Amino acid sequence: MDQIQTLTLHPWWRFIWPLLAGGGVFLFSAVLRPLIFSRLTKIVSRTTWAWDDILVKALKGPYLLWCLIGGLYAALVLSPAESNLVQTGSRVLSVLWMFSLTLTFMRLADQIIRRNSDDHTRNETQLLQQ
């Protein structure tokens, strides 16, 4: 309870800079998203290796969540909140980051398994046709 009272004792304007900084990090990253992924898509389309296409697709989904986590972290670090609140918030964001990475790797593994099973099915079909 003391932590909440300490947090509310700060003038409201001291929280504006961290919120602007966090929002700026998120917006800047979100605006760069189309540029980053269009360039990545062009680069991987020139290769014959199929796994890079799968990797770019897997990274495209959680990108905005990662931008949000980065923005929240920037706002948290710059905030005038007490160090134990900042530390707790950092831990929560770390758990969210690890969870999103786990989901990304699961999505990547799913796409790899689907690709391999499609290749295996194609090979069996070709053998049966011969």
N, C-alpha and C. Protein backbone atom coordinates (compact mmCIF):
# COMPACT_ATOMS: atom_id res chain seq x y z
N MET A 1 0.82 -1.20 0.00
CA MET A 1 0.00 0.00 0.00
C MET A 1 0.86 1.26 0.00
N ASP A 2 1.99 1.20 0.71
CA ASP A 2 2.89 2.35 0.76
C ASP A 2 3.44 2.67 -0.62
N GLN A 3 3.67 1.62 -1.42
CA GLN A 3 4.20 1.84 -2.76
C GLN A 3 3.20 2.61 -3.62
N ILE A 4 1.94 2.27 -3.51
CA ILE A 4 0.91 2.97 -4.30
C ILE A 4 0.78 4.42 -3.84
N GLN A 5 0.83 4.65 -2.52
CA GLN A 5 0.76 6.01 -2.02
C GLN A 5 1.96 6.83 -2.47
N THR A 6 3.14 6.24 -2.44
CA THR A 6 4.34 6.93 -2.90
C THR A 6 4.23 7.27 -4.37
N LEU A 7 3.69 6.35 -5.14
CA LEU A 7 3.54 6.57 -6.58
C LEU A 7 2.56 7.70 -6.86
N THR A 8 1.49 7.79 -6.09
CA THR A 8 0.49 8.83 -6.32
C THR A 8 0.91 10.18 -5.75
N LEU A 9 1.92 10.22 -4.90
CA LEU A 9 2.38 11.50 -4.35
C LEU A 9 3.18 12.31 -5.37
N HIS A 10 3.72 11.64 -6.38
CA HIS A 10 4.46 12.35 -7.42
C HIS A 10 3.51 13.22 -8.23
N PRO A 11 3.94 14.41 -8.62
CA PRO A 11 3.10 15.19 -9.52
C PRO A 11 2.89 14.44 -10.83
N TRP A 12 1.72 14.56 -11.39
CA TRP A 12 1.36 13.81 -12.60
C TRP A 12 2.27 14.11 -13.77
N TRP A 13 2.81 15.32 -13.82
CA TRP A 13 3.64 15.70 -14.96
C TRP A 13 4.96 14.95 -15.00
N ARG A 14 5.40 14.40 -13.88
CA ARG A 14 6.66 13.64 -13.87
C ARG A 14 6.51 12.31 -14.60
N PHE A 15 5.27 11.89 -14.84
CA PHE A 15 5.05 10.64 -15.56
C PHE A 15 4.84 10.86 -17.06
N ILE A 16 4.72 12.12 -17.46
CA ILE A 16 4.48 12.39 -18.88
C ILE A 16 5.70 12.03 -19.72
N TRP A 17 6.89 12.41 -19.29
CA TRP A 17 8.09 12.10 -20.07
C TRP A 17 8.27 10.59 -20.28
N PRO A 18 8.18 9.77 -19.24
CA PRO A 18 8.31 8.33 -19.47
C PRO A 18 7.22 7.77 -20.41
N LEU A 19 6.00 8.27 -20.26
CA LEU A 19 4.92 7.79 -21.14
C LEU A 19 5.16 8.21 -22.58
N LEU A 20 5.63 9.43 -22.78
CA LEU A 20 5.95 9.88 -24.14
C LEU A 20 7.11 9.09 -24.73
N ALA A 21 8.11 8.83 -23.91
CA ALA A 21 9.26 8.06 -24.39
C ALA A 21 8.85 6.63 -24.74
N GLY A 22 8.07 6.00 -23.87
CA GLY A 22 7.60 4.64 -24.13
C GLY A 22 6.70 4.58 -25.35
N GLY A 23 5.79 5.54 -25.46
CA GLY A 23 4.93 5.60 -26.64
C GLY A 23 5.72 5.87 -27.90
N GLY A 24 6.75 6.71 -27.78
CA GLY A 24 7.60 7.00 -28.94
C GLY A 24 8.37 5.78 -29.41
N VAL A 25 8.89 5.00 -28.48
CA VAL A 25 9.60 3.77 -28.84
C VAL A 25 8.65 2.83 -29.57
N PHE A 26 7.44 2.67 -29.03
CA PHE A 26 6.47 1.78 -29.66
C PHE A 26 6.07 2.28 -31.05
N LEU A 27 5.73 3.55 -31.16
CA LEU A 27 5.30 4.10 -32.45
C LEU A 27 6.41 4.06 -33.49
N PHE A 28 7.62 4.40 -33.08
CA PHE A 28 8.74 4.37 -34.01
C PHE A 28 8.96 2.95 -34.54
N SER A 29 8.93 1.99 -33.64
CA SER A 29 9.11 0.59 -34.04
C SER A 29 7.96 0.11 -34.92
N ALA A 30 6.74 0.52 -34.59
CA ALA A 30 5.58 0.10 -35.37
C ALA A 30 5.59 0.72 -36.77
N VAL A 31 6.06 1.96 -36.87
CA VAL A 31 6.15 2.62 -38.18
C VAL A 31 7.22 1.95 -39.03
N LEU A 32 8.29 1.49 -38.40
CA LEU A 32 9.36 0.81 -39.14
C LEU A 32 8.99 -0.61 -39.58
N ARG A 33 7.95 -1.18 -38.99
CA ARG A 33 7.58 -2.57 -39.28
C ARG A 33 7.41 -2.86 -40.76
N PRO A 34 6.60 -2.08 -41.50
CA PRO A 34 6.45 -2.39 -42.93
C PRO A 34 7.77 -2.31 -43.70
N LEU A 35 8.59 -1.33 -43.36
CA LEU A 35 9.87 -1.19 -44.04
C LEU A 35 10.78 -2.38 -43.74
N ILE A 36 10.87 -2.75 -42.50
CA ILE A 36 11.74 -3.86 -42.11
C ILE A 36 11.30 -5.15 -42.78
N PHE A 37 10.00 -5.45 -42.71
CA PHE A 37 9.55 -6.74 -43.22
C PHE A 37 9.45 -6.76 -44.75
N SER A 38 9.24 -5.62 -45.38
CA SER A 38 9.26 -5.63 -46.84
C SER A 38 10.68 -5.88 -47.35
N ARG A 39 11.65 -5.28 -46.70
CA ARG A 39 13.05 -5.52 -47.08
C ARG A 39 13.46 -6.96 -46.79
N LEU A 40 13.08 -7.45 -45.63
CA LEU A 40 13.41 -8.84 -45.31
C LEU A 40 12.76 -9.81 -46.30
N THR A 41 11.52 -9.54 -46.66
CA THR A 41 10.82 -10.40 -47.61
C THR A 41 11.50 -10.38 -48.97
N LYS A 42 11.96 -9.21 -49.41
CA LYS A 42 12.69 -9.12 -50.68
C LYS A 42 13.99 -9.90 -50.63
N ILE A 43 14.69 -9.77 -49.51
CA ILE A 43 15.97 -10.47 -49.37
C ILE A 43 15.76 -11.98 -49.39
N VAL A 44 14.80 -12.47 -48.62
CA VAL A 44 14.61 -13.92 -48.55
C VAL A 44 13.97 -14.49 -49.81
N SER A 45 13.29 -13.65 -50.59
CA SER A 45 12.69 -14.16 -51.83
C SER A 45 13.76 -14.44 -52.89
N ARG A 46 14.92 -13.83 -52.74
CA ARG A 46 16.02 -14.05 -53.69
C ARG A 46 16.78 -15.35 -53.41
N THR A 47 16.58 -15.92 -52.25
CA THR A 47 17.32 -17.14 -51.91
C THR A 47 16.50 -18.37 -52.29
N THR A 48 17.19 -19.48 -52.46
CA THR A 48 16.51 -20.73 -52.77
C THR A 48 16.20 -21.51 -51.50
N TRP A 49 16.73 -21.07 -50.41
CA TRP A 49 16.52 -21.75 -49.14
C TRP A 49 15.14 -21.40 -48.61
N ALA A 50 14.30 -22.37 -48.32
CA ALA A 50 12.92 -22.12 -47.92
C ALA A 50 12.78 -21.77 -46.45
N TRP A 51 13.75 -22.11 -45.66
CA TRP A 51 13.63 -21.89 -44.21
C TRP A 51 13.66 -20.42 -43.84
N ASP A 52 14.31 -19.59 -44.63
CA ASP A 52 14.34 -18.17 -44.29
C ASP A 52 12.96 -17.53 -44.47
N ASP A 53 12.18 -18.01 -45.43
CA ASP A 53 10.80 -17.53 -45.57
C ASP A 53 9.98 -17.85 -44.33
N ILE A 54 10.17 -19.06 -43.83
CA ILE A 54 9.45 -19.49 -42.63
C ILE A 54 9.86 -18.64 -41.43
N LEU A 55 11.14 -18.33 -41.32
CA LEU A 55 11.63 -17.52 -40.20
C LEU A 55 11.04 -16.11 -40.23
N VAL A 56 11.01 -15.50 -41.41
CA VAL A 56 10.45 -14.15 -41.52
C VAL A 56 8.96 -14.16 -41.16
N LYS A 57 8.23 -15.17 -41.62
CA LYS A 57 6.80 -15.26 -41.27
C LYS A 57 6.60 -15.44 -39.77
N ALA A 58 7.48 -16.21 -39.15
CA ALA A 58 7.36 -16.44 -37.71
C ALA A 58 7.67 -15.18 -36.91
N LEU A 59 8.58 -14.35 -37.40
CA LEU A 59 8.95 -13.13 -36.69
C LEU A 59 7.96 -11.99 -36.90
N LYS A 60 7.20 -12.07 -37.98
CA LYS A 60 6.29 -10.98 -38.32
C LYS A 60 5.16 -10.83 -37.30
N GLY A 61 4.68 -11.94 -36.79
CA GLY A 61 3.55 -11.90 -35.86
C GLY A 61 3.84 -11.20 -34.55
N PRO A 62 4.87 -11.62 -33.81
CA PRO A 62 5.08 -11.03 -32.49
C PRO A 62 5.85 -9.71 -32.50
N TYR A 63 6.17 -9.19 -33.66
CA TYR A 63 6.97 -7.97 -33.73
C TYR A 63 6.31 -6.81 -32.97
N LEU A 64 5.02 -6.60 -33.16
CA LEU A 64 4.36 -5.49 -32.47
C LEU A 64 4.31 -5.70 -30.96
N LEU A 65 4.17 -6.95 -30.53
CA LEU A 65 4.22 -7.22 -29.10
C LEU A 65 5.60 -6.87 -28.54
N TRP A 66 6.64 -7.20 -29.29
CA TRP A 66 7.99 -6.87 -28.85
C TRP A 66 8.20 -5.36 -28.82
N CYS A 67 7.60 -4.65 -29.76
CA CYS A 67 7.67 -3.17 -29.74
C CYS A 67 6.97 -2.63 -28.51
N LEU A 68 5.83 -3.20 -28.18
CA LEU A 68 5.09 -2.78 -26.99
C LEU A 68 5.89 -3.05 -25.73
N ILE A 69 6.52 -4.22 -25.65
CA ILE A 69 7.35 -4.54 -24.49
C ILE A 69 8.51 -3.55 -24.38
N GLY A 70 9.13 -3.22 -25.51
CA GLY A 70 10.22 -2.24 -25.50
C GLY A 70 9.75 -0.87 -25.05
N GLY A 71 8.59 -0.44 -25.53
CA GLY A 71 8.05 0.84 -25.12
C GLY A 71 7.71 0.88 -23.64
N LEU A 72 7.10 -0.19 -23.15
CA LEU A 72 6.77 -0.25 -21.72
C LEU A 72 8.02 -0.27 -20.86
N TYR A 73 9.04 -0.96 -21.33
CA TYR A 73 10.29 -1.01 -20.58
C TYR A 73 10.95 0.38 -20.53
N ALA A 74 10.94 1.08 -21.67
CA ALA A 74 11.50 2.44 -21.69
C ALA A 74 10.74 3.35 -20.73
N ALA A 75 9.42 3.25 -20.75
CA ALA A 75 8.62 4.07 -19.84
C ALA A 75 8.87 3.70 -18.39
N LEU A 76 9.04 2.42 -18.14
CA LEU A 76 9.27 1.96 -16.77
C LEU A 76 10.61 2.43 -16.23
N VAL A 77 11.63 2.33 -17.04
CA VAL A 77 12.98 2.73 -16.60
C VAL A 77 13.06 4.24 -16.37
N LEU A 78 12.38 5.00 -17.20
CA LEU A 78 12.43 6.46 -17.07
C LEU A 78 11.45 7.02 -16.04
N SER A 79 10.57 6.18 -15.52
CA SER A 79 9.55 6.68 -14.59
C SER A 79 10.16 7.01 -13.22
N PRO A 80 9.52 7.93 -12.50
CA PRO A 80 10.01 8.28 -11.16
C PRO A 80 9.51 7.31 -10.09
N ALA A 81 9.02 6.15 -10.49
CA ALA A 81 8.51 5.18 -9.52
C ALA A 81 9.66 4.63 -8.68
N GLU A 82 9.30 4.06 -7.57
CA GLU A 82 10.30 3.48 -6.68
C GLU A 82 11.00 2.31 -7.35
N SER A 83 12.22 2.05 -6.92
CA SER A 83 13.04 1.03 -7.58
C SER A 83 12.42 -0.36 -7.49
N ASN A 84 11.73 -0.67 -6.40
CA ASN A 84 11.13 -2.00 -6.29
C ASN A 84 9.95 -2.16 -7.26
N LEU A 85 9.23 -1.08 -7.54
CA LEU A 85 8.16 -1.14 -8.54
C LEU A 85 8.74 -1.30 -9.94
N VAL A 86 9.83 -0.60 -10.21
CA VAL A 86 10.49 -0.72 -11.50
C VAL A 86 11.04 -2.13 -11.67
N GLN A 87 11.61 -2.66 -10.62
CA GLN A 87 12.16 -4.02 -10.67
C GLN A 87 11.05 -5.04 -10.91
N THR A 88 9.93 -4.91 -10.24
CA THR A 88 8.81 -5.83 -10.43
C THR A 88 8.26 -5.71 -11.84
N GLY A 89 8.12 -4.49 -12.32
CA GLY A 89 7.65 -4.29 -13.69
C GLY A 89 8.60 -4.88 -14.72
N SER A 90 9.89 -4.73 -14.47
CA SER A 90 10.90 -5.32 -15.37
C SER A 90 10.79 -6.83 -15.40
N ARG A 91 10.54 -7.42 -14.25
CA ARG A 91 10.38 -8.88 -14.19
C ARG A 91 9.15 -9.33 -14.96
N VAL A 92 8.06 -8.59 -14.81
CA VAL A 92 6.84 -8.94 -15.53
C VAL A 92 7.08 -8.84 -17.04
N LEU A 93 7.74 -7.79 -17.47
CA LEU A 93 8.04 -7.64 -18.90
C LEU A 93 8.99 -8.72 -19.39
N SER A 94 9.93 -9.14 -18.54
CA SER A 94 10.83 -10.23 -18.92
C SER A 94 10.07 -11.53 -19.11
N VAL A 95 9.13 -11.80 -18.23
CA VAL A 95 8.31 -13.01 -18.37
C VAL A 95 7.47 -12.92 -19.64
N LEU A 96 6.90 -11.77 -19.92
CA LEU A 96 6.13 -11.59 -21.14
C LEU A 96 7.01 -11.78 -22.37
N TRP A 97 8.23 -11.26 -22.33
CA TRP A 97 9.19 -11.42 -23.42
C TRP A 97 9.51 -12.91 -23.64
N MET A 98 9.79 -13.63 -22.55
CA MET A 98 10.10 -15.07 -22.67
C MET A 98 8.91 -15.86 -23.20
N PHE A 99 7.72 -15.49 -22.75
CA PHE A 99 6.51 -16.16 -23.24
C PHE A 99 6.33 -15.92 -24.74
N SER A 100 6.56 -14.70 -25.18
CA SER A 100 6.40 -14.41 -26.61
C SER A 100 7.47 -15.12 -27.44
N LEU A 101 8.69 -15.22 -26.91
CA LEU A 101 9.73 -15.97 -27.62
C LEU A 101 9.37 -17.45 -27.71
N THR A 102 8.82 -17.99 -26.63
CA THR A 102 8.39 -19.39 -26.64
C THR A 102 7.32 -19.61 -27.70
N LEU A 103 6.35 -18.73 -27.76
CA LEU A 103 5.30 -18.85 -28.78
C LEU A 103 5.87 -18.71 -30.19
N THR A 104 6.85 -17.84 -30.35
CA THR A 104 7.47 -17.67 -31.66
C THR A 104 8.21 -18.94 -32.08
N PHE A 105 8.95 -19.53 -31.16
CA PHE A 105 9.65 -20.78 -31.48
C PHE A 105 8.67 -21.92 -31.74
N MET A 106 7.54 -21.92 -31.03
CA MET A 106 6.52 -22.93 -31.30
C MET A 106 5.94 -22.75 -32.70
N ARG A 107 5.70 -21.53 -33.06
CA ARG A 107 5.17 -21.23 -34.40
C ARG A 107 6.19 -21.62 -35.48
N LEU A 108 7.44 -21.34 -35.22
CA LEU A 108 8.51 -21.70 -36.15
C LEU A 108 8.61 -23.23 -36.29
N ALA A 109 8.56 -23.93 -35.17
CA ALA A 109 8.61 -25.40 -35.21
C ALA A 109 7.40 -25.96 -35.95
N ASP A 110 6.24 -25.38 -35.75
CA ASP A 110 5.04 -25.82 -36.45
C ASP A 110 5.19 -25.67 -37.96
N GLN A 111 5.70 -24.53 -38.38
CA GLN A 111 5.89 -24.30 -39.82
C GLN A 111 6.92 -25.25 -40.41
N ILE A 112 7.98 -25.52 -39.66
CA ILE A 112 9.01 -26.45 -40.14
C ILE A 112 8.44 -27.86 -40.26
N ILE A 113 7.68 -28.28 -39.27
CA ILE A 113 7.06 -29.61 -39.32
C ILE A 113 6.09 -29.72 -40.48
N ARG A 114 5.28 -28.69 -40.68
CA ARG A 114 4.34 -28.71 -41.81
C ARG A 114 5.08 -28.79 -43.14
N ARG A 115 6.15 -28.03 -43.25
CA ARG A 115 6.93 -28.05 -44.50
C ARG A 115 7.54 -29.43 -44.75
N ASN A 116 8.11 -30.01 -43.71
CA ASN A 116 8.71 -31.33 -43.86
C ASN A 116 7.66 -32.39 -44.17
N SER A 117 6.50 -32.29 -43.55
CA SER A 117 5.46 -33.28 -43.83
C SER A 117 4.92 -33.11 -45.25
N ASP A 118 4.84 -31.88 -45.74
CA ASP A 118 4.42 -31.65 -47.13
C ASP A 118 5.44 -32.23 -48.10
N ASP A 119 6.73 -32.03 -47.81
CA ASP A 119 7.78 -32.60 -48.66
C ASP A 119 7.72 -34.12 -48.64
N HIS A 120 7.49 -34.69 -47.48
CA HIS A 120 7.42 -36.14 -47.34
C HIS A 120 6.22 -36.69 -48.11
N THR A 121 5.08 -36.00 -48.03
CA THR A 121 3.88 -36.43 -48.76
C THR A 121 4.11 -36.34 -50.26
N ARG A 122 4.78 -35.28 -50.71
CA ARG A 122 5.08 -35.14 -52.14
C ARG A 122 5.98 -36.27 -52.63
N ASN A 123 6.98 -36.62 -51.83
CA ASN A 123 7.89 -37.70 -52.20
C ASN A 123 7.15 -39.03 -52.28
N GLU A 124 6.25 -39.30 -51.34
CA GLU A 124 5.48 -40.54 -51.38
C GLU A 124 4.57 -40.58 -52.60
N THR A 125 3.95 -39.44 -52.93
CA THR A 125 3.08 -39.37 -54.09
C THR A 125 3.85 -39.64 -55.37
N GLN A 126 5.04 -39.08 -55.46
CA GLN A 126 5.87 -39.32 -56.66
C GLN A 126 6.29 -40.77 -56.77
N LEU A 127 6.58 -41.41 -55.65
CA LEU A 127 6.95 -42.82 -55.67
C LEU A 127 5.77 -43.70 -56.09
N LEU A 128 4.58 -43.34 -55.61
CA LEU A 128 3.40 -44.13 -55.96
C LEU A 128 3.02 -43.98 -57.43
N GLN A 129 3.31 -42.84 -58.02
CA GLN A 129 2.97 -42.59 -59.41
C GLN A 129 3.93 -43.33 -60.36
N GLN A 130 5.08 -43.70 -59.88
CA GLN A 130 6.06 -44.36 -60.75
C GLN A 130 5.75 -45.79 -60.94
